Amino acid sequence: MTYVPAPGAAPLTRMVAAQVLLEVRLLLRNGEQLLLTAVIPVVLLGLLTAVPVVDTGEYDRVDFLVPGILALSVMSTAFTSLAIATGYERRYGALKRLAASPLPRWALLAAKAVTVLVVEVLQVVLVGGLGLALGWRPDGAMAAVPLLLAGTAAFAGLGLLMAGTLRAEATLAAANLVYLLLLVLGGVVIPFGQFPDALRPVLESTPTGALAGGLRSVLADGDGLPWAPLVVLVIWAAAGTTAAARWFRWE
């Protein structure tokens, strides 16, 4: 029997799955990214719950902090980690080589998005599990899913925009600076009520502020899906992904 080679690209789903597995393995091998996505949120939740550093108003500390730390987890993975990793892949020419492979460019970005979602599931398990151990009892958890998805899209679009337009070193500095600023100003660990009234609408309109506020409304207050934060996140997602698609440079 004679075997005749059948050259050609693998099915698209197999290529995307292989790229997702590669992205996940690279992330798990990167100590800096693991620190950013897994260690810092869990340590912050445990430390701030145990030590009354900030006044959480009418909320118990754990009820206030868990939604904020979940928002921080989404930002750390979908924005900071994604921007830094993609920026350095672009600098070293990895993206240029991948763009020349049978894997379409949109499928490469889709694989990165799926990787982000996989990591976020692990983060939700870690943060939620620690929160439950500390006495957190969420209400209406399913209503948080659209907020998490919209927040992921918003941060991913902005992260890819930054990685595709700035130098890798500038992306590293800017992504970490934004992370620190929104950690303090985005309603993650400090209630918006402690900021000046004139500043509150601005902070609540940031992706982190909208996601943290929306998650807190669902998980701490037991409200239904909050449409105002969801609309803010959808607007950020549309703006970020549109700008990234237009101005992302592969080289």
C-alpha atoms as a PDB file:
ATOM      1  CA  MET A   1       0.000   0.000   0.000  1.00  0.00           C
ATOM      2  CA  THR A   2       1.350   3.412  -0.954  1.00  0.00           C
ATOM      3  CA  TYR A   3       0.709   6.370   1.300  1.00  0.00           C
ATOM      4  CA  VAL A   4       0.422   9.681  -0.504  1.00  0.00           C
ATOM      5  CA  PRO A   5       1.137  12.800   1.544  1.00  0.00           C
ATOM      6  CA  ALA A   6      -1.768  15.212   1.841  1.00  0.00           C
ATOM      7  CA  PRO A   7      -0.123  18.550   2.585  1.00  0.00           C
ATOM      8  CA  GLY A   8      -2.254  21.332   3.959  1.00  0.00           C
ATOM      9  CA  ALA A   9      -3.167  23.187   7.078  1.00  0.00           C
ATOM     10  CA  ALA A  10      -4.811  21.441   9.996  1.00  0.00           C
ATOM     11  CA  PRO A  11      -8.475  22.238  10.725  1.00  0.00           C
ATOM     12  CA  LEU A  12      -8.922  25.714  12.143  1.00  0.00           C
ATOM     13  CA  THR A  13     -10.340  24.480  15.445  1.00  0.00           C
ATOM     14  CA  ARG A  14      -7.289  22.251  15.983  1.00  0.00           C
ATOM     15  CA  MET A  15      -4.919  25.120  15.216  1.00  0.00           C
ATOM     16  CA  VAL A  16      -6.707  27.432  17.643  1.00  0.00           C
ATOM     17  CA  ALA A  17      -6.754  24.758  20.354  1.00  0.00           C
ATOM     18  CA  ALA A  18      -3.021  24.140  19.899  1.00  0.00           C
ATOM     19  CA  GLN A  19      -2.320  27.855  20.139  1.00  0.00           C
ATOM     20  CA  VAL A  20      -4.443  28.149  23.298  1.00  0.00           C
ATOM     21  CA  LEU A  21      -2.510  25.286  24.924  1.00  0.00           C
ATOM     22  CA  LEU A  22       0.761  26.963  23.967  1.00  0.00           C
ATOM     23  CA  GLU A  23      -0.372  30.312  25.393  1.00  0.00           C
ATOM     24  CA  VAL A  24      -1.487  28.689  28.664  1.00  0.00           C
ATOM     25  CA  ARG A  25       1.810  26.808  29.036  1.00  0.00           C
ATOM     26  CA  LEU A  26       3.808  29.970  28.409  1.00  0.00           C
ATOM     27  CA  LEU A  27       1.766  31.815  31.014  1.00  0.00           C
ATOM     28  CA  LEU A  28       2.193  29.085  33.620  1.00  0.00           C
ATOM     29  CA  ARG A  29       5.965  29.142  33.068  1.00  0.00           C
ATOM     30  CA  ASN A  30       6.179  32.909  33.512  1.00  0.00           C
ATOM     31  CA  GLY A  31       6.638  33.720  37.191  1.00  0.00           C
ATOM     32  CA  GLU A  32       5.941  37.433  36.735  1.00  0.00           C
ATOM     33  CA  GLN A  33       2.629  36.770  35.016  1.00  0.00           C
ATOM     34  CA  LEU A  34       1.610  34.210  37.644  1.00  0.00           C
ATOM     35  CA  LEU A  35       2.417  36.744  40.354  1.00  0.00           C
ATOM     36  CA  LEU A  36       0.251  39.329  38.630  1.00  0.00           C
ATOM     37  CA  THR A  37      -2.708  37.105  37.832  1.00  0.00           C
ATOM     38  CA  ALA A  38      -2.863  34.683  40.760  1.00  0.00           C
ATOM     39  CA  VAL A  39      -0.734  35.651  43.732  1.00  0.00           C
ATOM     40  CA  ILE A  40      -1.402  39.389  44.090  1.00  0.00           C
ATOM     41  CA  PRO A  41      -5.248  39.201  43.992  1.00  0.00           C
ATOM     42  CA  VAL A  42      -5.360  36.340  46.512  1.00  0.00           C
ATOM     43  CA  VAL A  43      -2.838  37.999  48.861  1.00  0.00           C
ATOM     44  CA  LEU A  44      -4.682  41.325  48.669  1.00  0.00           C
ATOM     45  CA  LEU A  45      -8.006  39.689  49.470  1.00  0.00           C
ATOM     46  CA  GLY A  46      -6.622  37.773  52.453  1.00  0.00           C
ATOM     47  CA  LEU A  47      -4.600  40.704  53.808  1.00  0.00           C
ATOM     48  CA  LEU A  48      -7.232  43.417  53.423  1.00  0.00           C
ATOM     49  CA  THR A  49      -9.952  41.189  54.853  1.00  0.00           C
ATOM     50  CA  ALA A  50      -7.867  40.430  57.931  1.00  0.00           C
ATOM     51  CA  VAL A  51      -6.517  43.952  58.473  1.00  0.00           C
ATOM     52  CA  PRO A  52      -9.011  46.886  58.523  1.00  0.00           C
ATOM     53  CA  VAL A  53      -6.882  49.172  56.363  1.00  0.00           C
ATOM     54  CA  VAL A  54      -9.800  50.887  54.607  1.00  0.00           C
ATOM     55  CA  ASP A  55     -13.328  51.810  55.678  1.00  0.00           C
ATOM     56  CA  THR A  56     -15.797  49.821  53.559  1.00  0.00           C
ATOM     57  CA  GLY A  57     -18.863  51.729  54.734  1.00  0.00           C
ATOM     58  CA  GLU A  58     -22.055  49.702  55.057  1.00  0.00           C
ATOM     59  CA  TYR A  59     -20.425  46.575  53.626  1.00  0.00           C
ATOM     60  CA  ASP A  60     -18.645  43.852  55.540  1.00  0.00           C
ATOM     61  CA  ARG A  61     -15.021  43.847  54.433  1.00  0.00           C
ATOM     62  CA  VAL A  62     -15.164  40.518  52.624  1.00  0.00           C
ATOM     63  CA  ASP A  63     -18.448  41.420  50.865  1.00  0.00           C
ATOM     64  CA  PHE A  64     -16.901  44.655  49.636  1.00  0.00           C
ATOM     65  CA  LEU A  65     -13.490  43.261  48.716  1.00  0.00           C
ATOM     66  CA  VAL A  66     -14.345  40.080  46.798  1.00  0.00           C
ATOM     67  CA  PRO A  67     -16.138  41.872  43.895  1.00  0.00           C
ATOM     68  CA  GLY A  68     -13.340  44.429  43.723  1.00  0.00           C
ATOM     69  CA  ILE A  69     -10.639  41.762  43.695  1.00  0.00           C
ATOM     70  CA  LEU A  70     -12.534  39.882  40.973  1.00  0.00           C
ATOM     71  CA  ALA A  71     -12.496  43.072  38.902  1.00  0.00           C
ATOM     72  CA  LEU A  72      -8.782  43.427  39.614  1.00  0.00           C
ATOM     73  CA  SER A  73      -8.230  39.830  38.487  1.00  0.00           C
ATOM     74  CA  VAL A  74      -9.943  40.489  35.168  1.00  0.00           C
ATOM     75  CA  MET A  75      -7.859  43.637  34.673  1.00  0.00           C
ATOM     76  CA  SER A  76      -4.607  41.875  35.566  1.00  0.00           C
ATOM     77  CA  THR A  77      -5.207  39.076  33.046  1.00  0.00           C
ATOM     78  CA  ALA A  78      -7.137  40.691  30.188  1.00  0.00           C
ATOM     79  CA  PHE A  79      -5.243  43.989  30.242  1.00  0.00           C
ATOM     80  CA  THR A  80      -1.908  44.044  32.052  1.00  0.00           C
ATOM     81  CA  SER A  81      -0.705  40.500  31.420  1.00  0.00           C
ATOM     82  CA  LEU A  82      -2.059  40.363  27.867  1.00  0.00           C
ATOM     83  CA  ALA A  83      -0.566  43.732  26.936  1.00  0.00           C
ATOM     84  CA  ILE A  84       2.897  42.946  28.312  1.00  0.00           C
ATOM     85  CA  ALA A  85       3.088  39.440  26.831  1.00  0.00           C
ATOM     86  CA  THR A  86       1.809  40.556  23.416  1.00  0.00           C
ATOM     87  CA  GLY A  87       4.098  43.591  23.400  1.00  0.00           C
ATOM     88  CA  TYR A  88       7.194  41.451  23.896  1.00  0.00           C
ATOM     89  CA  GLU A  89       6.006  38.850  21.387  1.00  0.00           C
ATOM     90  CA  ARG A  90       5.726  41.684  18.896  1.00  0.00           C
ATOM     91  CA  ARG A  91       9.177  43.009  19.798  1.00  0.00           C
ATOM     92  CA  TYR A  92      10.881  39.615  19.382  1.00  0.00           C
ATOM     93  CA  GLY A  93       9.162  38.965  16.056  1.00  0.00           C
ATOM     94  CA  ALA A  94       7.036  36.073  17.314  1.00  0.00           C
ATOM     95  CA  LEU A  95       3.799  37.698  16.158  1.00  0.00           C
ATOM     96  CA  LYS A  96       5.261  38.362  12.705  1.00  0.00           C
ATOM     97  CA  ARG A  97       6.200  34.691  12.338  1.00  0.00           C
ATOM     98  CA  LEU A  98       2.827  33.499  13.620  1.00  0.00           C
ATOM     99  CA  ALA A  99       1.074  35.866  11.217  1.00  0.00           C
ATOM    100  CA  ALA A 100       2.878  34.107   8.357  1.00  0.00           C
ATOM    101  CA  SER A 101       1.656  30.682   9.511  1.00  0.00           C
ATOM    102  CA  PRO A 102      -1.584  29.011   8.331  1.00  0.00           C
ATOM    103  CA  LEU A 103      -3.245  30.307  11.502  1.00  0.00           C
ATOM    104  CA  PRO A 104      -5.221  33.434  10.510  1.00  0.00           C
ATOM    105  CA  ARG A 105      -4.459  36.604  12.411  1.00  0.00           C
ATOM    106  CA  TRP A 106      -7.978  36.838  13.788  1.00  0.00           C
ATOM    107  CA  ALA A 107      -7.696  33.232  15.008  1.00  0.00           C
ATOM    108  CA  LEU A 108      -4.425  34.064  16.784  1.00  0.00           C
ATOM    109  CA  LEU A 109      -6.143  36.918  18.614  1.00  0.00           C
ATOM    110  CA  ALA A 110      -9.113  34.639  19.326  1.00  0.00           C
ATOM    111  CA  ALA A 111      -6.720  32.091  20.866  1.00  0.00           C
ATOM    112  CA  LYS A 112      -5.324  34.804  23.118  1.00  0.00           C
ATOM    113  CA  ALA A 113      -8.878  35.736  24.142  1.00  0.00           C
ATOM    114  CA  VAL A 114      -9.714  32.107  24.978  1.00  0.00           C
ATOM    115  CA  THR A 115      -6.489  31.868  27.001  1.00  0.00           C
ATOM    116  CA  VAL A 116      -7.548  34.930  28.964  1.00  0.00           C
ATOM    117  CA  LEU A 117     -10.917  33.313  29.727  1.00  0.00           C
ATOM    118  CA  VAL A 118      -9.256  30.083  30.868  1.00  0.00           C
ATOM    119  CA  VAL A 119      -7.007  31.994  33.265  1.00  0.00           C
ATOM    120  CA  GLU A 120      -9.937  34.056  34.516  1.00  0.00           C
ATOM    121  CA  VAL A 121     -11.887  30.906  35.376  1.00  0.00           C
ATOM    122  CA  LEU A 122      -8.944  29.813  37.525  1.00  0.00           C
ATOM    123  CA  GLN A 123      -8.839  33.261  39.133  1.00  0.00           C
ATOM    124  CA  VAL A 124     -12.550  33.191  39.936  1.00  0.00           C
ATOM    125  CA  VAL A 125     -12.094  29.784  41.552  1.00  0.00           C
ATOM    126  CA  LEU A 126      -9.130  31.016  43.649  1.00  0.00           C
ATOM    127  CA  VAL A 127     -10.628  34.352  44.683  1.00  0.00           C
ATOM    128  CA  GLY A 128     -14.146  32.996  45.148  1.00  0.00           C
ATOM    129  CA  GLY A 129     -12.895  29.990  47.076  1.00  0.00           C
ATOM    130  CA  LEU A 130     -10.872  32.167  49.451  1.00  0.00           C
ATOM    131  CA  GLY A 131     -13.815  34.535  49.797  1.00  0.00           C
ATOM    132  CA  LEU A 132     -16.132  31.686  50.753  1.00  0.00           C
ATOM    133  CA  ALA A 133     -13.583  30.481  53.303  1.00  0.00           C
ATOM    134  CA  LEU A 134     -13.514  34.003  54.770  1.00  0.00           C
ATOM    135  CA  GLY A 135     -17.304  34.141  55.101  1.00  0.00           C
ATOM    136  CA  TRP A 136     -18.377  35.638  51.780  1.00  0.00           C
ATOM    137  CA  ARG A 137     -21.875  34.607  50.717  1.00  0.00           C
ATOM    138  CA  PRO A 138     -22.670  35.965  47.217  1.00  0.00           C
ATOM    139  CA  ASP A 139     -26.140  36.751  45.897  1.00  0.00           C
ATOM    140  CA  GLY A 140     -27.116  36.465  42.236  1.00  0.00           C
ATOM    141  CA  ALA A 141     -23.798  35.092  41.006  1.00  0.00           C
ATOM    142  CA  MET A 142     -25.120  34.305  37.503  1.00  0.00           C
ATOM    143  CA  ALA A 143     -25.859  37.979  36.873  1.00  0.00           C
ATOM    144  CA  ALA A 144     -22.119  38.620  37.275  1.00  0.00           C
ATOM    145  CA  VAL A 145     -21.255  36.565  34.169  1.00  0.00           C
ATOM    146  CA  PRO A 146     -22.237  39.234  31.568  1.00  0.00           C
ATOM    147  CA  LEU A 147     -20.265  41.820  33.532  1.00  0.00           C
ATOM    148  CA  LEU A 148     -17.174  39.606  33.629  1.00  0.00           C
ATOM    149  CA  LEU A 149     -17.416  38.892  29.888  1.00  0.00           C
ATOM    150  CA  ALA A 150     -17.935  42.547  28.997  1.00  0.00           C
ATOM    151  CA  GLY A 151     -15.096  43.564  31.310  1.00  0.00           C
ATOM    152  CA  THR A 152     -12.817  40.977  29.702  1.00  0.00           C
ATOM    153  CA  ALA A 153     -13.628  42.305  26.223  1.00  0.00           C
ATOM    154  CA  ALA A 154     -13.045  45.891  27.339  1.00  0.00           C
ATOM    155  CA  PHE A 155      -9.691  45.213  28.971  1.00  0.00           C
ATOM    156  CA  ALA A 156      -8.504  42.879  26.199  1.00  0.00           C
ATOM    157  CA  GLY A 157      -9.247  45.474  23.529  1.00  0.00           C
ATOM    158  CA  LEU A 158      -7.360  48.148  25.432  1.00  0.00           C
ATOM    159  CA  GLY A 159      -4.484  45.774  26.191  1.00  0.00           C
ATOM    160  CA  LEU A 160      -4.075  44.770  22.544  1.00  0.00           C
ATOM    161  CA  LEU A 161      -4.299  48.411  21.489  1.00  0.00           C
ATOM    162  CA  MET A 162      -1.452  49.290  23.847  1.00  0.00           C
ATOM    163  CA  ALA A 163       0.652  46.275  22.852  1.00  0.00           C
ATOM    164  CA  GLY A 164       0.136  46.892  19.138  1.00  0.00           C
ATOM    165  CA  THR A 165       1.004  50.579  19.097  1.00  0.00           C
ATOM    166  CA  LEU A 166       3.706  51.117  21.749  1.00  0.00           C
ATOM    167  CA  ARG A 167       7.195  49.712  22.151  1.00  0.00           C
ATOM    168  CA  ALA A 168       7.461  46.725  24.471  1.00  0.00           C
ATOM    169  CA  GLU A 169       9.264  48.713  27.180  1.00  0.00           C
ATOM    170  CA  ALA A 170       6.671  51.481  27.019  1.00  0.00           C
ATOM    171  CA  THR A 171       3.882  48.886  27.166  1.00  0.00           C
ATOM    172  CA  LEU A 172       5.457  47.304  30.256  1.00  0.00           C
ATOM    173  CA  ALA A 173       5.701  50.643  32.054  1.00  0.00           C
ATOM    174  CA  ALA A 174       2.284  51.954  30.971  1.00  0.00           C
ATOM    175  CA  ALA A 175       0.418  48.709  31.719  1.00  0.00           C
ATOM    176  CA  ASN A 176       1.863  48.477  35.234  1.00  0.00           C
ATOM    177  CA  LEU A 177       1.181  52.164  35.882  1.00  0.00           C
ATOM    178  CA  VAL A 178      -2.455  51.818  34.798  1.00  0.00           C
ATOM    179  CA  TYR A 179      -2.753  48.690  36.951  1.00  0.00           C
ATOM    180  CA  LEU A 180      -1.541  50.532  40.057  1.00  0.00           C
ATOM    181  CA  LEU A 181      -3.655  53.618  39.397  1.00  0.00           C
ATOM    182  CA  LEU A 182      -6.858  51.650  38.867  1.00  0.00           C
ATOM    183  CA  LEU A 183      -6.097  49.435  41.854  1.00  0.00           C
ATOM    184  CA  VAL A 184      -6.302  52.577  43.996  1.00  0.00           C
ATOM    185  CA  LEU A 185      -8.818  54.669  42.036  1.00  0.00           C
ATOM    186  CA  GLY A 186     -11.029  52.019  40.414  1.00  0.00           C
ATOM    187  CA  GLY A 187     -13.174  51.094  43.408  1.00  0.00           C
ATOM    188  CA  VAL A 188     -11.256  47.867  43.988  1.00  0.00           C
ATOM    189  CA  VAL A 189     -10.182  48.413  47.597  1.00  0.00           C
ATOM    190  CA  ILE A 190     -11.366  51.981  48.321  1.00  0.00           C
ATOM    191  CA  PRO A 191     -15.097  52.843  48.117  1.00  0.00           C
ATOM    192  CA  PHE A 192     -16.023  55.571  45.647  1.00  0.00           C
ATOM    193  CA  GLY A 193     -17.697  57.421  48.513  1.00  0.00           C
ATOM    194  CA  GLN A 194     -14.278  58.283  49.915  1.00  0.00           C
ATOM    195  CA  PHE A 195     -13.362  60.270  46.794  1.00  0.00           C
ATOM    196  CA  PRO A 196     -14.499  63.859  46.038  1.00  0.00           C
ATOM    197  CA  ASP A 197     -17.989  64.057  44.542  1.00  0.00           C
ATOM    198  CA  ALA A 198     -16.694  65.688  41.363  1.00  0.00           C
ATOM    199  CA  LEU A 199     -14.297  62.804  40.767  1.00  0.00           C
ATOM    200  CA  ARG A 200     -16.688  59.935  41.410  1.00  0.00           C
ATOM    201  CA  PRO A 201     -18.478  59.904  38.002  1.00  0.00           C
ATOM    202  CA  VAL A 202     -15.104  59.808  36.244  1.00  0.00           C
ATOM    203  CA  LEU A 203     -13.827  56.917  38.347  1.00  0.00           C
ATOM    204  CA  GLU A 204     -17.084  54.983  37.970  1.00  0.00           C
ATOM    205  CA  SER A 205     -16.782  55.352  34.183  1.00  0.00           C
ATOM    206  CA  THR A 206     -13.404  53.627  34.001  1.00  0.00           C
ATOM    207  CA  PRO A 207     -13.501  49.936  33.024  1.00  0.00           C
ATOM    208  CA  THR A 208     -12.317  48.915  36.487  1.00  0.00           C
ATOM    209  CA  GLY A 209     -14.763  51.225  38.224  1.00  0.00           C
ATOM    210  CA  ALA A 210     -17.699  49.999  36.143  1.00  0.00           C
ATOM    211  CA  LEU A 211     -16.763  46.341  36.622  1.00  0.00           C
ATOM    212  CA  ALA A 212     -16.083  46.606  40.360  1.00  0.00           C
ATOM    213  CA  GLY A 213     -19.244  48.645  40.947  1.00  0.00           C
ATOM    214  CA  GLY A 214     -21.379  46.326  38.848  1.00  0.00           C
ATOM    215  CA  LEU A 215     -20.053  43.188  40.512  1.00  0.00           C
ATOM    216  CA  ARG A 216     -20.572  44.718  43.945  1.00  0.00           C
ATOM    217  CA  SER A 217     -24.157  45.604  43.041  1.00  0.00           C
ATOM    218  CA  VAL A 218     -24.810  41.997  42.024  1.00  0.00           C
ATOM    219  CA  LEU A 219     -22.753  40.008  44.521  1.00  0.00           C
ATOM    220  CA  ALA A 220     -22.995  42.207  47.627  1.00  0.00           C
ATOM    221  CA  ASP A 221     -26.315  44.020  47.207  1.00  0.00           C
ATOM    222  CA  GLY A 222     -28.163  41.133  45.544  1.00  0.00           C
ATOM    223  CA  ASP A 223     -29.444  43.348  42.722  1.00  0.00           C
ATOM    224  CA  GLY A 224     -30.195  42.174  39.217  1.00  0.00           C
ATOM    225  CA  LEU A 225     -27.962  42.873  36.258  1.00  0.00           C
ATOM    226  CA  PRO A 226     -26.900  46.550  36.533  1.00  0.00           C
ATOM    227  CA  TRP A 227     -27.330  48.017  33.073  1.00  0.00           C
ATOM    228  CA  ALA A 228     -25.384  51.253  33.528  1.00  0.00           C
ATOM    229  CA  PRO A 229     -22.026  49.556  34.348  1.00  0.00           C
ATOM    230  CA  LEU A 230     -22.672  46.966  31.625  1.00  0.00           C
ATOM    231  CA  VAL A 231     -23.234  49.703  29.022  1.00  0.00           C
ATOM    232  CA  VAL A 232     -20.024  51.455  30.130  1.00  0.00           C
ATOM    233  CA  LEU A 233     -18.077  48.209  29.702  1.00  0.00           C
ATOM    234  CA  VAL A 234     -19.621  47.506  26.291  1.00  0.00           C
ATOM    235  CA  ILE A 235     -18.668  51.008  25.119  1.00  0.00           C
ATOM    236  CA  TRP A 236     -15.080  50.501  26.317  1.00  0.00           C
ATOM    237  CA  ALA A 237     -14.993  47.080  24.634  1.00  0.00           C
ATOM    238  CA  ALA A 238     -16.269  48.448  21.323  1.00  0.00           C
ATOM    239  CA  ALA A 239     -13.874  51.387  21.385  1.00  0.00           C
ATOM    240  CA  GLY A 240     -10.848  49.301  22.401  1.00  0.00           C
ATOM    241  CA  THR A 241     -11.361  46.439  19.958  1.00  0.00           C
ATOM    242  CA  THR A 242     -12.147  48.795  17.070  1.00  0.00           C
ATOM    243  CA  ALA A 243      -9.026  50.873  17.734  1.00  0.00           C
ATOM    244  CA  ALA A 244      -6.879  47.744  18.174  1.00  0.00           C
ATOM    245  CA  ALA A 245      -8.141  46.249  14.916  1.00  0.00           C
ATOM    246  CA  ARG A 246      -7.318  49.473  13.086  1.00  0.00           C
ATOM    247  CA  TRP A 247      -3.945  50.412  14.555  1.00  0.00           C
ATOM    248  CA  PHE A 248      -2.395  47.142  15.747  1.00  0.00           C
ATOM    249  CA  ARG A 249       1.041  46.721  14.150  1.00  0.00           C
ATOM    250  CA  TRP A 250       2.304  43.151  13.814  1.00  0.00           C
ATOM    251  CA  GLU A 251       5.946  44.199  13.393  1.00  0.00           C
END
